[in-house]
């Protein structure tokens, strides 16, 4: 019902979709090198700290279970 077939009908939505994608990519604000390196360093530090915390919790729980079970 109301569907059109043909090459012109198929290309129009794709063209407008690609134009929309292109306009959205123009809106992206990329971080500069200094900001990117600071944020990367922050992520690495938080990841290492979280890994240490998880390791310590695991070790304490293991000791507790070992103490309980004898």
Protein backbone atom coordinates (compact mmCIF):
# COMPACT_ATOMS: atom_id res chain seq x y z
CA UNK A 1 0.00 0.00 0.00
CA UNK A 2 1.56 3.23 -1.08
CA UNK A 3 4.94 1.58 -1.58
CA UNK A 4 6.98 2.78 -4.46
CA UNK A 5 9.47 0.62 -6.17
CA UNK A 6 12.37 1.72 -8.19
CA UNK A 7 15.86 3.04 -7.81
CA UNK A 8 14.86 6.65 -7.09
CA UNK A 9 12.72 5.65 -4.13
CA UNK A 10 15.52 3.50 -2.67
CA UNK A 11 18.21 6.18 -2.95
CA UNK A 12 16.33 9.08 -1.36
CA UNK A 13 16.15 7.71 2.21
CA UNK A 14 19.76 6.54 2.08
CA UNK A 15 20.94 9.95 0.90
CA UNK A 16 19.14 11.78 3.66
CA UNK A 17 20.38 9.24 6.19
CA UNK A 18 23.99 9.78 5.12
CA UNK A 19 23.49 13.56 5.21
CA UNK A 20 22.19 13.20 8.77
CA UNK A 21 25.19 11.11 9.76
CA UNK A 22 27.55 13.65 8.18
CA UNK A 23 25.91 16.55 10.03
CA UNK A 24 26.10 14.65 13.35
CA UNK A 25 29.81 13.93 12.83
CA UNK A 26 30.41 17.64 12.30
CA UNK A 27 28.98 18.28 15.78
CA UNK A 28 31.54 16.05 17.51
CA UNK A 29 34.08 17.92 19.61
CA UNK A 30 37.25 15.89 19.86
CA UNK A 31 39.43 16.20 22.95
CA UNK A 32 42.84 17.77 22.57
CA UNK A 33 46.01 15.80 23.24
CA UNK A 34 46.48 17.12 26.80
CA UNK A 35 42.90 16.33 27.87
CA UNK A 36 43.07 12.91 26.28
CA UNK A 37 46.31 12.01 28.07
CA UNK A 38 44.96 13.26 31.43
CA UNK A 39 41.77 11.24 31.08
CA UNK A 40 43.69 8.16 29.96
CA UNK A 41 45.98 8.45 32.98
CA UNK A 42 42.96 8.82 35.27
CA UNK A 43 41.35 5.69 33.81
CA UNK A 44 44.56 3.68 34.22
CA UNK A 45 45.02 4.83 37.83
CA UNK A 46 41.41 4.08 38.78
CA UNK A 47 41.63 0.67 37.09
CA UNK A 48 44.81 -0.25 38.98
CA UNK A 49 43.37 0.97 42.31
CA UNK A 50 40.16 -0.95 41.75
CA UNK A 51 42.17 -4.07 40.89
CA UNK A 52 44.16 -3.72 44.13
CA UNK A 53 40.98 -3.24 46.18
CA UNK A 54 39.36 -6.31 44.61
CA UNK A 55 42.54 -8.34 45.22
CA UNK A 56 42.68 -7.28 48.88
CA UNK A 57 38.99 -8.06 49.44
CA UNK A 58 39.45 -11.46 47.83
CA UNK A 59 42.48 -12.18 50.01
CA UNK A 60 40.69 -11.13 53.23
CA UNK A 61 37.62 -13.22 52.34
CA UNK A 62 39.86 -16.20 51.53
CA UNK A 63 41.60 -15.85 54.90
CA UNK A 64 38.24 -15.58 56.69
CA UNK A 65 36.84 -18.67 55.00
CA UNK A 66 40.10 -20.55 55.70
CA UNK A 67 39.88 -19.57 59.36
CA UNK A 68 36.22 -20.62 59.63
CA UNK A 69 36.68 -23.95 57.86
CA UNK A 70 39.93 -24.68 59.68
